[in-house]
N, C-alpha and C. Protein backbone atom coordinates (compact mmCIF):
# COMPACT_ATOMS: atom_id res chain seq x y z
N MET A 1 167.31 44.73 11.45
CA MET A 1 166.70 45.07 12.72
C MET A 1 167.51 44.43 13.84
N ALA A 2 167.95 45.25 14.77
CA ALA A 2 168.77 44.73 15.87
C ALA A 2 167.96 44.70 17.15
N GLY A 3 168.34 43.84 18.08
CA GLY A 3 167.70 43.79 19.39
C GLY A 3 166.43 42.96 19.40
N GLU A 4 165.73 43.07 20.51
CA GLU A 4 164.53 42.28 20.69
C GLU A 4 163.28 43.13 20.52
N SER A 5 162.23 42.49 20.08
CA SER A 5 160.92 43.12 20.03
C SER A 5 160.15 42.68 21.26
N SER A 6 159.18 43.50 21.68
CA SER A 6 158.40 43.12 22.86
C SER A 6 157.02 43.77 22.81
N PHE A 7 156.13 43.26 23.65
CA PHE A 7 154.85 43.90 23.88
C PHE A 7 154.39 43.55 25.29
N ASP A 8 153.42 44.29 25.79
CA ASP A 8 152.89 44.05 27.13
C ASP A 8 151.48 43.49 27.02
N VAL A 9 151.19 42.51 27.87
CA VAL A 9 149.83 41.97 27.98
C VAL A 9 149.23 42.62 29.22
N VAL A 10 148.12 43.34 29.05
CA VAL A 10 147.48 44.03 30.16
C VAL A 10 145.99 43.70 30.17
N SER A 11 145.35 44.01 31.26
CA SER A 11 143.90 43.86 31.36
C SER A 11 143.36 45.17 31.92
N LYS A 12 143.06 46.09 31.03
CA LYS A 12 142.57 47.40 31.45
C LYS A 12 141.21 47.65 30.80
N VAL A 13 140.41 48.45 31.47
CA VAL A 13 139.09 48.80 30.96
C VAL A 13 139.05 50.31 30.79
N ASP A 14 138.53 50.78 29.66
CA ASP A 14 138.38 52.20 29.43
C ASP A 14 137.23 52.72 30.30
N ARG A 15 137.56 53.42 31.35
CA ARG A 15 136.58 53.90 32.32
C ARG A 15 135.51 54.77 31.64
N GLN A 16 135.90 55.56 30.65
CA GLN A 16 134.95 56.43 29.96
C GLN A 16 133.90 55.61 29.21
N GLU A 17 134.33 54.51 28.59
CA GLU A 17 133.38 53.65 27.87
C GLU A 17 132.39 53.01 28.85
N VAL A 18 132.89 52.56 30.00
CA VAL A 18 132.01 51.97 31.01
C VAL A 18 131.02 53.02 31.52
N ASP A 19 131.51 54.23 31.73
CA ASP A 19 130.66 55.33 32.18
C ASP A 19 129.57 55.64 31.15
N ASN A 20 129.96 55.67 29.88
CA ASN A 20 128.98 55.91 28.81
C ASN A 20 127.94 54.80 28.77
N ALA A 21 128.38 53.56 28.90
CA ALA A 21 127.45 52.42 28.89
C ALA A 21 126.49 52.51 30.07
N LEU A 22 127.01 52.90 31.24
CA LEU A 22 126.17 53.03 32.42
C LEU A 22 125.13 54.13 32.23
N ASN A 23 125.53 55.26 31.65
CA ASN A 23 124.59 56.35 31.42
C ASN A 23 123.52 55.95 30.41
N GLN A 24 123.91 55.23 29.35
CA GLN A 24 122.93 54.77 28.37
C GLN A 24 121.95 53.79 29.01
N ALA A 25 122.47 52.88 29.85
CA ALA A 25 121.60 51.91 30.53
C ALA A 25 120.63 52.64 31.46
N ALA A 26 121.11 53.64 32.18
CA ALA A 26 120.25 54.40 33.09
C ALA A 26 119.13 55.09 32.32
N LYS A 27 119.45 55.66 31.16
CA LYS A 27 118.43 56.31 30.33
C LYS A 27 117.38 55.31 29.87
N GLU A 28 117.86 54.14 29.39
CA GLU A 28 116.93 53.13 28.90
C GLU A 28 116.03 52.62 30.02
N ILE A 29 116.60 52.42 31.21
CA ILE A 29 115.82 51.94 32.35
C ILE A 29 114.76 52.96 32.75
N ALA A 30 115.11 54.24 32.68
CA ALA A 30 114.16 55.30 33.03
C ALA A 30 113.01 55.37 32.02
N GLN A 31 113.25 55.00 30.77
CA GLN A 31 112.23 55.16 29.73
C GLN A 31 111.42 53.89 29.45
N ARG A 32 111.97 52.72 29.76
CA ARG A 32 111.29 51.48 29.37
C ARG A 32 110.04 51.21 30.21
N TYR A 33 109.00 50.75 29.52
CA TYR A 33 107.70 50.51 30.17
C TYR A 33 107.80 49.43 31.25
N ASP A 34 108.55 48.35 30.97
CA ASP A 34 108.61 47.25 31.94
C ASP A 34 109.39 47.60 33.21
N PHE A 35 110.07 48.74 33.22
CA PHE A 35 110.78 49.16 34.43
C PHE A 35 110.03 50.26 35.19
N LYS A 36 108.85 50.65 34.72
CA LYS A 36 108.07 51.69 35.40
C LYS A 36 107.53 51.16 36.72
N GLY A 37 107.72 51.90 37.78
CA GLY A 37 107.13 51.56 39.06
C GLY A 37 107.81 50.41 39.81
N VAL A 38 108.99 49.99 39.38
CA VAL A 38 109.67 48.90 40.09
C VAL A 38 110.92 49.40 40.82
N GLY A 39 111.14 50.69 40.79
CA GLY A 39 112.28 51.27 41.49
C GLY A 39 113.62 50.84 40.91
N ALA A 40 113.66 50.59 39.62
CA ALA A 40 114.89 50.13 38.98
C ALA A 40 115.85 51.31 38.78
N SER A 41 117.12 51.09 39.14
CA SER A 41 118.13 52.12 38.92
C SER A 41 119.51 51.47 38.82
N ILE A 42 120.44 52.24 38.25
CA ILE A 42 121.82 51.80 38.13
C ILE A 42 122.71 53.02 38.35
N ALA A 43 123.78 52.86 39.14
CA ALA A 43 124.65 54.00 39.44
C ALA A 43 126.02 53.51 39.90
N TRP A 44 127.00 54.43 39.82
CA TRP A 44 128.34 54.14 40.35
C TRP A 44 128.28 54.17 41.87
N SER A 45 129.08 53.32 42.49
CA SER A 45 129.26 53.38 43.94
C SER A 45 130.76 53.29 44.17
N GLY A 46 131.41 54.42 44.23
CA GLY A 46 132.87 54.43 44.34
C GLY A 46 133.53 54.42 42.98
N GLU A 47 134.80 54.05 42.94
CA GLU A 47 135.60 54.14 41.72
C GLU A 47 135.31 53.03 40.71
N SER A 48 135.10 51.80 41.18
CA SER A 48 134.95 50.70 40.23
C SER A 48 133.83 49.73 40.59
N LEU A 49 132.79 50.24 41.24
CA LEU A 49 131.67 49.39 41.63
C LEU A 49 130.37 49.99 41.10
N VAL A 50 129.58 49.16 40.42
CA VAL A 50 128.30 49.59 39.88
C VAL A 50 127.22 48.91 40.70
N VAL A 51 126.24 49.69 41.17
CA VAL A 51 125.15 49.14 41.98
C VAL A 51 123.84 49.28 41.22
N MET A 52 123.12 48.14 41.11
CA MET A 52 121.82 48.13 40.46
C MET A 52 120.77 47.78 41.50
N THR A 53 119.63 48.47 41.46
CA THR A 53 118.56 48.20 42.42
C THR A 53 117.23 48.04 41.69
N ALA A 54 116.35 47.23 42.28
CA ALA A 54 114.98 47.05 41.79
C ALA A 54 114.19 46.35 42.90
N ASN A 55 112.87 46.17 42.68
CA ASN A 55 112.05 45.61 43.75
C ASN A 55 111.95 44.09 43.70
N SER A 56 112.61 43.42 42.74
CA SER A 56 112.60 41.96 42.71
C SER A 56 113.91 41.46 42.11
N PRO A 57 114.32 40.22 42.44
CA PRO A 57 115.58 39.71 41.88
C PRO A 57 115.55 39.61 40.35
N GLU A 58 114.37 39.30 39.79
CA GLU A 58 114.27 39.21 38.32
C GLU A 58 114.49 40.58 37.67
N ARG A 59 113.90 41.62 38.26
CA ARG A 59 114.04 42.97 37.70
C ARG A 59 115.49 43.46 37.79
N VAL A 60 116.15 43.15 38.91
CA VAL A 60 117.54 43.61 39.06
C VAL A 60 118.44 42.88 38.06
N LYS A 61 118.10 41.63 37.74
CA LYS A 61 118.87 40.90 36.71
C LYS A 61 118.58 41.46 35.33
N ALA A 62 117.36 41.95 35.11
CA ALA A 62 117.02 42.60 33.85
C ALA A 62 117.81 43.90 33.69
N VAL A 63 118.01 44.63 34.79
CA VAL A 63 118.83 45.85 34.77
C VAL A 63 120.27 45.48 34.39
N LEU A 64 120.78 44.39 34.98
CA LEU A 64 122.13 43.91 34.65
C LEU A 64 122.22 43.56 33.17
N ASP A 65 121.19 42.91 32.64
CA ASP A 65 121.18 42.53 31.23
C ASP A 65 121.26 43.76 30.32
N VAL A 66 120.52 44.81 30.67
CA VAL A 66 120.57 46.06 29.89
C VAL A 66 121.98 46.64 29.94
N PHE A 67 122.58 46.66 31.14
CA PHE A 67 123.94 47.20 31.30
C PHE A 67 124.96 46.40 30.50
N GLU A 68 124.86 45.06 30.55
CA GLU A 68 125.79 44.21 29.79
C GLU A 68 125.65 44.44 28.30
N THR A 69 124.42 44.63 27.82
CA THR A 69 124.20 44.90 26.40
C THR A 69 124.89 46.19 25.99
N LYS A 70 124.77 47.21 26.81
CA LYS A 70 125.41 48.50 26.51
C LYS A 70 126.94 48.38 26.54
N LEU A 71 127.48 47.57 27.48
CA LEU A 71 128.94 47.37 27.54
C LEU A 71 129.44 46.70 26.26
N VAL A 72 128.73 45.67 25.81
CA VAL A 72 129.15 44.95 24.61
C VAL A 72 129.12 45.87 23.40
N ARG A 73 128.07 46.70 23.31
CA ARG A 73 127.98 47.64 22.19
C ARG A 73 129.14 48.63 22.15
N ARG A 74 129.67 48.95 23.34
CA ARG A 74 130.77 49.91 23.42
C ARG A 74 132.13 49.24 23.38
N GLY A 75 132.15 47.93 23.16
CA GLY A 75 133.43 47.23 23.00
C GLY A 75 134.13 46.89 24.30
N VAL A 76 133.41 46.87 25.41
CA VAL A 76 133.99 46.50 26.70
C VAL A 76 133.70 45.02 26.94
N SER A 77 134.73 44.25 27.23
CA SER A 77 134.56 42.81 27.44
C SER A 77 133.82 42.53 28.75
N LEU A 78 132.89 41.58 28.71
CA LEU A 78 132.15 41.21 29.92
C LEU A 78 133.02 40.43 30.90
N LYS A 79 134.20 39.98 30.45
CA LYS A 79 135.11 39.28 31.36
C LYS A 79 135.66 40.22 32.42
N SER A 80 135.59 41.53 32.17
CA SER A 80 136.10 42.49 33.14
C SER A 80 135.03 42.89 34.15
N LEU A 81 133.86 42.25 34.08
CA LEU A 81 132.77 42.55 35.00
C LEU A 81 132.61 41.38 35.97
N GLU A 82 132.69 41.66 37.25
CA GLU A 82 132.53 40.62 38.28
C GLU A 82 131.22 40.89 39.02
N VAL A 83 130.21 40.05 38.74
CA VAL A 83 128.86 40.28 39.25
C VAL A 83 128.58 39.38 40.44
N GLY A 84 127.99 39.96 41.49
CA GLY A 84 127.60 39.19 42.65
C GLY A 84 126.18 38.64 42.50
N GLU A 85 125.60 38.23 43.60
CA GLU A 85 124.22 37.74 43.61
C GLU A 85 123.30 38.86 44.13
N PRO A 86 122.04 38.89 43.69
CA PRO A 86 121.11 39.90 44.21
C PRO A 86 120.89 39.71 45.71
N LYS A 87 121.00 40.81 46.47
CA LYS A 87 120.79 40.75 47.91
C LYS A 87 119.60 41.65 48.26
N GLN A 88 118.80 41.20 49.20
CA GLN A 88 117.66 42.00 49.61
C GLN A 88 118.10 42.95 50.71
N SER A 89 117.73 44.23 50.55
CA SER A 89 117.99 45.20 51.61
C SER A 89 116.70 46.02 51.75
N GLY A 90 115.98 45.74 52.80
CA GLY A 90 114.68 46.38 52.98
C GLY A 90 113.69 45.82 51.97
N LYS A 91 113.02 46.72 51.23
CA LYS A 91 112.05 46.27 50.24
C LYS A 91 112.66 46.11 48.86
N GLU A 92 113.93 46.46 48.70
CA GLU A 92 114.53 46.39 47.36
C GLU A 92 115.66 45.38 47.31
N TYR A 93 115.97 44.98 46.09
CA TYR A 93 117.09 44.06 45.85
C TYR A 93 118.23 44.85 45.24
N ARG A 94 119.45 44.56 45.71
CA ARG A 94 120.65 45.23 45.20
C ARG A 94 121.55 44.20 44.54
N LEU A 95 122.17 44.61 43.46
CA LEU A 95 123.13 43.76 42.76
C LEU A 95 124.36 44.61 42.51
N GLU A 96 125.53 44.10 42.94
CA GLU A 96 126.77 44.85 42.76
C GLU A 96 127.63 44.18 41.71
N ALA A 97 128.23 45.00 40.86
CA ALA A 97 129.13 44.50 39.82
C ALA A 97 130.43 45.31 39.90
N ALA A 98 131.55 44.60 40.07
CA ALA A 98 132.85 45.26 40.16
C ALA A 98 133.52 45.24 38.80
N ILE A 99 134.18 46.32 38.46
CA ILE A 99 134.95 46.40 37.22
C ILE A 99 136.38 45.99 37.56
N LYS A 100 136.86 44.88 36.97
CA LYS A 100 138.20 44.37 37.27
C LYS A 100 139.23 45.07 36.37
N GLN A 101 140.30 45.55 36.99
CA GLN A 101 141.39 46.18 36.27
C GLN A 101 142.69 45.45 36.60
N GLY A 102 143.57 45.32 35.64
CA GLY A 102 144.89 44.74 35.89
C GLY A 102 144.87 43.23 35.94
N LEU A 103 146.03 42.63 35.68
CA LEU A 103 146.18 41.18 35.76
C LEU A 103 146.54 40.81 37.19
N SER A 104 145.81 39.88 37.77
CA SER A 104 146.20 39.38 39.09
C SER A 104 147.45 38.53 38.91
N SER A 105 148.20 38.31 39.99
CA SER A 105 149.46 37.57 39.86
C SER A 105 149.20 36.14 39.39
N GLU A 106 148.11 35.50 39.87
CA GLU A 106 147.86 34.13 39.43
C GLU A 106 147.47 34.06 37.95
N ASN A 107 146.70 35.07 37.46
CA ASN A 107 146.37 35.10 36.04
C ASN A 107 147.62 35.36 35.19
N ALA A 108 148.50 36.24 35.66
CA ALA A 108 149.74 36.52 34.94
C ALA A 108 150.60 35.26 34.87
N LYS A 109 150.66 34.50 35.97
CA LYS A 109 151.44 33.25 35.97
C LYS A 109 150.83 32.22 35.02
N LYS A 110 149.48 32.15 35.00
CA LYS A 110 148.79 31.23 34.09
C LYS A 110 149.12 31.55 32.63
N ILE A 111 149.09 32.85 32.30
CA ILE A 111 149.37 33.28 30.92
C ILE A 111 150.82 33.00 30.57
N ALA A 112 151.74 33.29 31.50
CA ALA A 112 153.16 33.03 31.26
C ALA A 112 153.41 31.54 31.04
N LYS A 113 152.75 30.70 31.82
CA LYS A 113 152.90 29.25 31.67
C LYS A 113 152.35 28.80 30.31
N LEU A 114 151.21 29.36 29.90
CA LEU A 114 150.62 29.03 28.60
C LEU A 114 151.58 29.39 27.47
N ILE A 115 152.22 30.55 27.57
CA ILE A 115 153.17 30.99 26.54
C ILE A 115 154.38 30.07 26.53
N ARG A 116 154.89 29.71 27.73
CA ARG A 116 156.05 28.80 27.79
C ARG A 116 155.72 27.44 27.20
N ASP A 117 154.53 26.90 27.53
CA ASP A 117 154.17 25.55 27.10
C ASP A 117 153.79 25.47 25.62
N GLU A 118 152.98 26.42 25.15
CA GLU A 118 152.42 26.31 23.81
C GLU A 118 152.94 27.33 22.82
N GLY A 119 153.64 28.35 23.30
CA GLY A 119 154.12 29.40 22.42
C GLY A 119 155.41 29.01 21.72
N PRO A 120 155.87 29.86 20.79
CA PRO A 120 157.12 29.59 20.09
C PRO A 120 158.31 29.60 21.03
N LYS A 121 159.35 28.84 20.69
CA LYS A 121 160.58 28.81 21.51
C LYS A 121 161.31 30.15 21.33
N GLY A 122 162.05 30.54 22.35
CA GLY A 122 162.82 31.78 22.28
C GLY A 122 162.04 33.00 22.70
N VAL A 123 160.80 32.81 23.15
CA VAL A 123 160.00 33.93 23.63
C VAL A 123 160.06 33.93 25.15
N LYS A 124 160.39 35.10 25.72
CA LYS A 124 160.53 35.22 27.17
C LYS A 124 159.37 36.04 27.73
N THR A 125 158.97 35.70 28.96
CA THR A 125 157.93 36.47 29.64
C THR A 125 158.48 37.01 30.95
N GLN A 126 157.96 38.16 31.35
CA GLN A 126 158.39 38.78 32.60
C GLN A 126 157.19 39.49 33.21
N ILE A 127 156.86 39.15 34.46
CA ILE A 127 155.73 39.76 35.14
C ILE A 127 156.21 41.02 35.87
N THR A 128 155.59 42.16 35.55
CA THR A 128 155.92 43.42 36.24
C THR A 128 154.62 44.04 36.72
N GLY A 129 154.39 43.97 38.00
CA GLY A 129 153.17 44.54 38.58
C GLY A 129 151.94 43.83 38.05
N ASP A 130 151.03 44.59 37.43
CA ASP A 130 149.82 43.99 36.89
C ASP A 130 149.90 43.85 35.36
N GLU A 131 151.13 43.76 34.84
CA GLU A 131 151.35 43.57 33.41
C GLU A 131 152.26 42.38 33.19
N LEU A 132 152.27 41.89 31.96
CA LEU A 132 153.15 40.79 31.58
C LEU A 132 153.87 41.21 30.31
N ARG A 133 155.19 41.32 30.37
CA ARG A 133 155.96 41.68 29.19
C ARG A 133 156.40 40.42 28.46
N VAL A 134 156.17 40.38 27.16
CA VAL A 134 156.57 39.26 26.32
C VAL A 134 157.60 39.80 25.34
N SER A 135 158.77 39.15 25.28
CA SER A 135 159.82 39.62 24.37
C SER A 135 160.42 38.45 23.62
N GLY A 136 160.92 38.75 22.43
CA GLY A 136 161.54 37.73 21.59
C GLY A 136 162.27 38.38 20.44
N LYS A 137 163.12 37.60 19.76
CA LYS A 137 163.91 38.14 18.65
C LYS A 137 163.05 38.38 17.41
N SER A 138 162.08 37.51 17.17
CA SER A 138 161.30 37.58 15.94
C SER A 138 159.92 38.19 16.20
N ARG A 139 159.53 39.14 15.38
CA ARG A 139 158.19 39.73 15.50
C ARG A 139 157.12 38.71 15.14
N ASP A 140 157.45 37.78 14.26
CA ASP A 140 156.50 36.73 13.89
C ASP A 140 156.16 35.86 15.10
N ASP A 141 157.18 35.57 15.94
CA ASP A 141 156.95 34.80 17.16
C ASP A 141 156.00 35.56 18.10
N LEU A 142 156.20 36.88 18.20
CA LEU A 142 155.35 37.68 19.08
C LEU A 142 153.91 37.70 18.56
N GLN A 143 153.76 37.78 17.25
CA GLN A 143 152.41 37.77 16.68
C GLN A 143 151.76 36.40 16.89
N ALA A 144 152.57 35.34 16.86
CA ALA A 144 152.04 34.00 17.14
C ALA A 144 151.56 33.91 18.59
N VAL A 145 152.29 34.56 19.52
CA VAL A 145 151.88 34.58 20.93
C VAL A 145 150.55 35.34 21.08
N ILE A 146 150.41 36.46 20.37
CA ILE A 146 149.16 37.22 20.43
C ILE A 146 148.00 36.37 19.93
N ARG A 147 148.21 35.65 18.81
CA ARG A 147 147.16 34.77 18.28
C ARG A 147 146.82 33.67 19.29
N LEU A 148 147.84 33.11 19.92
CA LEU A 148 147.65 32.06 20.93
C LEU A 148 146.79 32.58 22.08
N LEU A 149 147.11 33.78 22.58
CA LEU A 149 146.37 34.33 23.72
C LEU A 149 144.95 34.73 23.33
N LYS A 150 144.76 35.22 22.11
CA LYS A 150 143.41 35.56 21.67
C LYS A 150 142.55 34.31 21.54
N GLY A 151 143.15 33.20 21.14
CA GLY A 151 142.42 31.95 20.98
C GLY A 151 142.21 31.21 22.29
N ALA A 152 143.00 31.52 23.31
CA ALA A 152 142.90 30.81 24.59
C ALA A 152 141.66 31.26 25.34
N ASP A 153 141.06 30.34 26.09
CA ASP A 153 139.86 30.66 26.88
C ASP A 153 140.31 31.05 28.29
N LEU A 154 140.63 32.33 28.46
CA LEU A 154 141.08 32.84 29.76
C LEU A 154 139.94 33.62 30.40
N ASP A 155 139.95 33.72 31.73
CA ASP A 155 138.86 34.41 32.41
C ASP A 155 139.15 35.90 32.65
N VAL A 156 140.04 36.47 31.84
CA VAL A 156 140.30 37.92 31.91
C VAL A 156 140.29 38.48 30.48
N ALA A 157 139.95 39.75 30.39
CA ALA A 157 139.98 40.45 29.10
C ALA A 157 141.40 40.95 28.89
N LEU A 158 142.01 40.60 27.76
CA LEU A 158 143.41 40.98 27.51
C LEU A 158 143.51 42.04 26.42
N GLN A 159 144.46 42.95 26.60
CA GLN A 159 144.85 43.90 25.57
C GLN A 159 146.36 43.79 25.39
N PHE A 160 146.81 44.12 24.19
CA PHE A 160 148.24 44.02 23.87
C PHE A 160 148.72 45.43 23.52
N VAL A 161 149.65 45.96 24.34
CA VAL A 161 150.10 47.33 24.18
C VAL A 161 151.63 47.40 24.09
N ASN A 162 152.14 48.56 23.75
CA ASN A 162 153.58 48.83 23.66
C ASN A 162 154.30 47.84 22.75
N TYR A 163 153.71 47.55 21.61
CA TYR A 163 154.34 46.62 20.66
C TYR A 163 155.48 47.36 19.99
N ARG A 164 156.73 46.90 20.25
CA ARG A 164 157.88 47.53 19.63
C ARG A 164 158.78 46.48 19.05
């Protein structure tokens, strides 16, 4: 085998899975007895923002709990969900949750530093946009880097793509 092997570290969310989880949560909220008459709802607001509403802060957090349960069942990491605090608007409470996509530059730098400090020698990292390319001569070294990143407690959901 000649040349270097590489893979990309990305933080992407499957929009279709999130959409399916949201639709399942909306169905459950419409049918559940404890949500009857409290004005509970969940819906998209734009491309990557989910808005939940109810008549009390506890109920809106219960709606969030249902949504998070559906996300976990569909294999979407909760690290990609950025939840705010319930805000009162009129008689109802609103809770907004943003779906985070891509690695921010500071997270990419943190991951690159972790690989440099704790990863195998001879592995190089390169930040390109919202991705981080990891390359090295040995595939075993790259697999060790993947194990290192899976074991690390980072505040982003990571996927490993383009493994060549």
